[in-house]
């Protein structure tokens, strides 16, 4: 497994966790905690975007 494959898997896992957190914030928690879950999920998606951009450059 080379570095691009590792970054691809990390990107996939972070997208999955980010979407799961956003969905938990939207459907599971109806109070202030839902906003926190959703914002952390957006942060995970931003990190996944950076990992995807790093493929082939590291």
N, C-alpha and C. Protein backbone atom coordinates (compact mmCIF):
# COMPACT_ATOMS: atom_id res chain seq x y z
N UNK A 1 0.84 -1.17 0.00
CA UNK A 1 0.00 0.00 0.00
C UNK A 1 0.90 1.24 0.00
N UNK A 2 0.75 2.06 -1.02
CA UNK A 2 1.59 3.26 -1.08
C UNK A 2 0.87 4.45 -0.44
N UNK A 3 1.53 5.60 -0.46
CA UNK A 3 0.98 6.77 0.26
C UNK A 3 -0.31 7.28 -0.36
N UNK A 4 -0.46 7.16 -1.69
CA UNK A 4 -1.71 7.61 -2.31
C UNK A 4 -2.89 6.73 -1.92
N UNK A 5 -2.65 5.43 -1.76
CA UNK A 5 -3.72 4.54 -1.32
C UNK A 5 -4.13 4.85 0.11
N UNK A 6 -3.15 5.13 0.95
CA UNK A 6 -3.45 5.48 2.35
C UNK A 6 -4.26 6.78 2.40
N UNK A 7 -3.88 7.77 1.60
CA UNK A 7 -4.64 9.02 1.58
C UNK A 7 -6.04 8.81 1.02
N UNK A 8 -6.18 7.91 0.06
CA UNK A 8 -7.51 7.62 -0.49
C UNK A 8 -8.41 6.98 0.56
N UNK A 9 -7.88 6.03 1.30
CA UNK A 9 -8.67 5.40 2.37
C UNK A 9 -9.00 6.40 3.46
N UNK A 10 -8.04 7.24 3.82
CA UNK A 10 -8.30 8.25 4.85
C UNK A 10 -9.37 9.23 4.39
N UNK A 11 -9.34 9.61 3.12
CA UNK A 11 -10.37 10.49 2.57
C UNK A 11 -11.73 9.84 2.62
N UNK A 12 -11.82 8.58 2.22
CA UNK A 12 -13.10 7.86 2.23
C UNK A 12 -13.65 7.74 3.65
N UNK A 13 -12.80 7.39 4.60
CA UNK A 13 -13.25 7.23 5.99
C UNK A 13 -13.71 8.57 6.55
N UNK A 14 -12.98 9.65 6.25
CA UNK A 14 -13.36 10.96 6.78
C UNK A 14 -14.65 11.46 6.15
N UNK A 15 -14.88 11.16 4.87
CA UNK A 15 -16.15 11.54 4.24
C UNK A 15 -17.29 10.78 4.91
N UNK A 16 -17.09 9.49 5.15
CA UNK A 16 -18.13 8.67 5.80
C UNK A 16 -18.45 9.20 7.19
N UNK A 17 -17.43 9.48 7.98
CA UNK A 17 -17.64 9.97 9.35
C UNK A 17 -18.27 11.37 9.32
N UNK A 18 -17.82 12.21 8.41
CA UNK A 18 -18.38 13.56 8.31
C UNK A 18 -19.86 13.56 7.96
N UNK A 19 -20.24 12.74 6.98
CA UNK A 19 -21.65 12.65 6.61
C UNK A 19 -22.46 12.05 7.75
N UNK A 20 -21.90 11.05 8.44
CA UNK A 20 -22.61 10.46 9.58
C UNK A 20 -22.83 11.48 10.68
N UNK A 21 -21.83 12.31 10.97
CA UNK A 21 -21.98 13.34 12.00
C UNK A 21 -23.01 14.38 11.61
N UNK A 22 -23.01 14.78 10.35
CA UNK A 22 -24.00 15.76 9.90
C UNK A 22 -25.41 15.18 10.01
N UNK A 23 -25.57 13.91 9.60
CA UNK A 23 -26.88 13.29 9.71
C UNK A 23 -27.32 13.11 11.15
N UNK A 24 -26.38 12.78 12.03
CA UNK A 24 -26.72 12.68 13.46
C UNK A 24 -27.16 14.04 14.00
N UNK A 25 -26.46 15.08 13.60
CA UNK A 25 -26.84 16.42 14.05
C UNK A 25 -28.19 16.84 13.52
N UNK A 26 -28.53 16.39 12.32
CA UNK A 26 -29.80 16.80 11.71
C UNK A 26 -30.98 16.00 12.24
N UNK A 27 -30.80 14.70 12.46
CA UNK A 27 -31.94 13.85 12.76
C UNK A 27 -31.98 13.32 14.20
N UNK A 28 -30.85 13.20 14.85
CA UNK A 28 -30.84 12.58 16.17
C UNK A 28 -30.99 13.61 17.28
N UNK A 29 -30.27 14.72 17.15
CA UNK A 29 -30.27 15.73 18.21
C UNK A 29 -30.97 16.99 17.72
N UNK A 30 -31.99 17.42 18.43
CA UNK A 30 -32.77 18.58 18.03
C UNK A 30 -32.41 19.84 18.81
N UNK A 31 -31.43 19.75 19.68
CA UNK A 31 -31.08 20.91 20.48
C UNK A 31 -29.73 21.46 20.02
N UNK A 32 -29.02 22.11 20.91
CA UNK A 32 -27.75 22.75 20.56
C UNK A 32 -26.70 21.71 20.16
N UNK A 33 -26.79 20.52 20.71
CA UNK A 33 -25.80 19.48 20.38
C UNK A 33 -25.84 19.13 18.89
N UNK A 34 -27.00 19.26 18.27
CA UNK A 34 -27.11 18.98 16.84
C UNK A 34 -26.26 19.93 16.01
N UNK A 35 -26.22 21.20 16.42
CA UNK A 35 -25.37 22.16 15.72
C UNK A 35 -23.90 21.79 15.87
N UNK A 36 -23.52 21.31 17.04
CA UNK A 36 -22.12 20.90 17.27
C UNK A 36 -21.75 19.71 16.42
N UNK A 37 -22.64 18.70 16.36
CA UNK A 37 -22.37 17.53 15.53
C UNK A 37 -22.24 17.93 14.07
N UNK A 38 -23.13 18.79 13.61
CA UNK A 38 -23.10 19.20 12.20
C UNK A 38 -21.84 20.00 11.88
N UNK A 39 -21.41 20.87 12.78
CA UNK A 39 -20.22 21.66 12.50
C UNK A 39 -18.96 20.79 12.51
N UNK A 40 -18.90 19.83 13.40
CA UNK A 40 -17.76 18.90 13.40
C UNK A 40 -17.77 18.06 12.13
N UNK A 41 -18.95 17.67 11.67
CA UNK A 41 -19.06 16.93 10.42
C UNK A 41 -18.57 17.73 9.23
N UNK A 42 -18.88 19.02 9.21
CA UNK A 42 -18.38 19.88 8.13
C UNK A 42 -16.86 19.99 8.22
N UNK A 43 -16.31 20.03 9.42
CA UNK A 43 -14.86 20.04 9.58
C UNK A 43 -14.22 18.76 9.06
N UNK A 44 -14.87 17.62 9.29
CA UNK A 44 -14.37 16.36 8.76
C UNK A 44 -14.36 16.38 7.23
N UNK A 45 -15.41 16.93 6.63
CA UNK A 45 -15.47 17.01 5.16
C UNK A 45 -14.37 17.94 4.62
N UNK A 46 -14.09 19.03 5.33
CA UNK A 46 -13.03 19.93 4.91
C UNK A 46 -11.67 19.24 4.99
N UNK A 47 -11.46 18.46 6.05
CA UNK A 47 -10.21 17.70 6.17
C UNK A 47 -10.09 16.66 5.07
N UNK A 48 -11.19 16.01 4.74
CA UNK A 48 -11.17 15.02 3.66
C UNK A 48 -10.84 15.69 2.33
N UNK A 49 -11.31 16.90 2.13
CA UNK A 49 -11.00 17.64 0.92
C UNK A 49 -9.50 17.92 0.83
N UNK A 50 -8.88 18.28 1.95
CA UNK A 50 -7.44 18.53 1.98
C UNK A 50 -6.68 17.24 1.70
N UNK A 51 -7.09 16.12 2.30
CA UNK A 51 -6.42 14.84 2.04
C UNK A 51 -6.53 14.46 0.58
N UNK A 52 -7.68 14.71 -0.02
CA UNK A 52 -7.85 14.40 -1.43
C UNK A 52 -6.94 15.27 -2.29
N UNK A 53 -6.77 16.54 -1.91
CA UNK A 53 -5.90 17.42 -2.66
C UNK A 53 -4.42 17.05 -2.51
N UNK A 54 -4.07 16.38 -1.43
CA UNK A 54 -2.67 16.01 -1.20
C UNK A 54 -2.23 14.77 -1.98
N UNK A 55 -3.19 14.03 -2.50
CA UNK A 55 -2.81 12.81 -3.22
C UNK A 55 -1.91 13.15 -4.40
N UNK A 56 -0.80 12.46 -4.51
CA UNK A 56 0.15 12.69 -5.60
C UNK A 56 1.15 13.79 -5.33
N UNK A 57 0.97 14.56 -4.26
CA UNK A 57 1.89 15.67 -3.97
C UNK A 57 2.77 15.42 -2.76
N UNK A 58 2.43 14.44 -1.96
CA UNK A 58 3.20 14.17 -0.74
C UNK A 58 4.29 13.17 -1.05
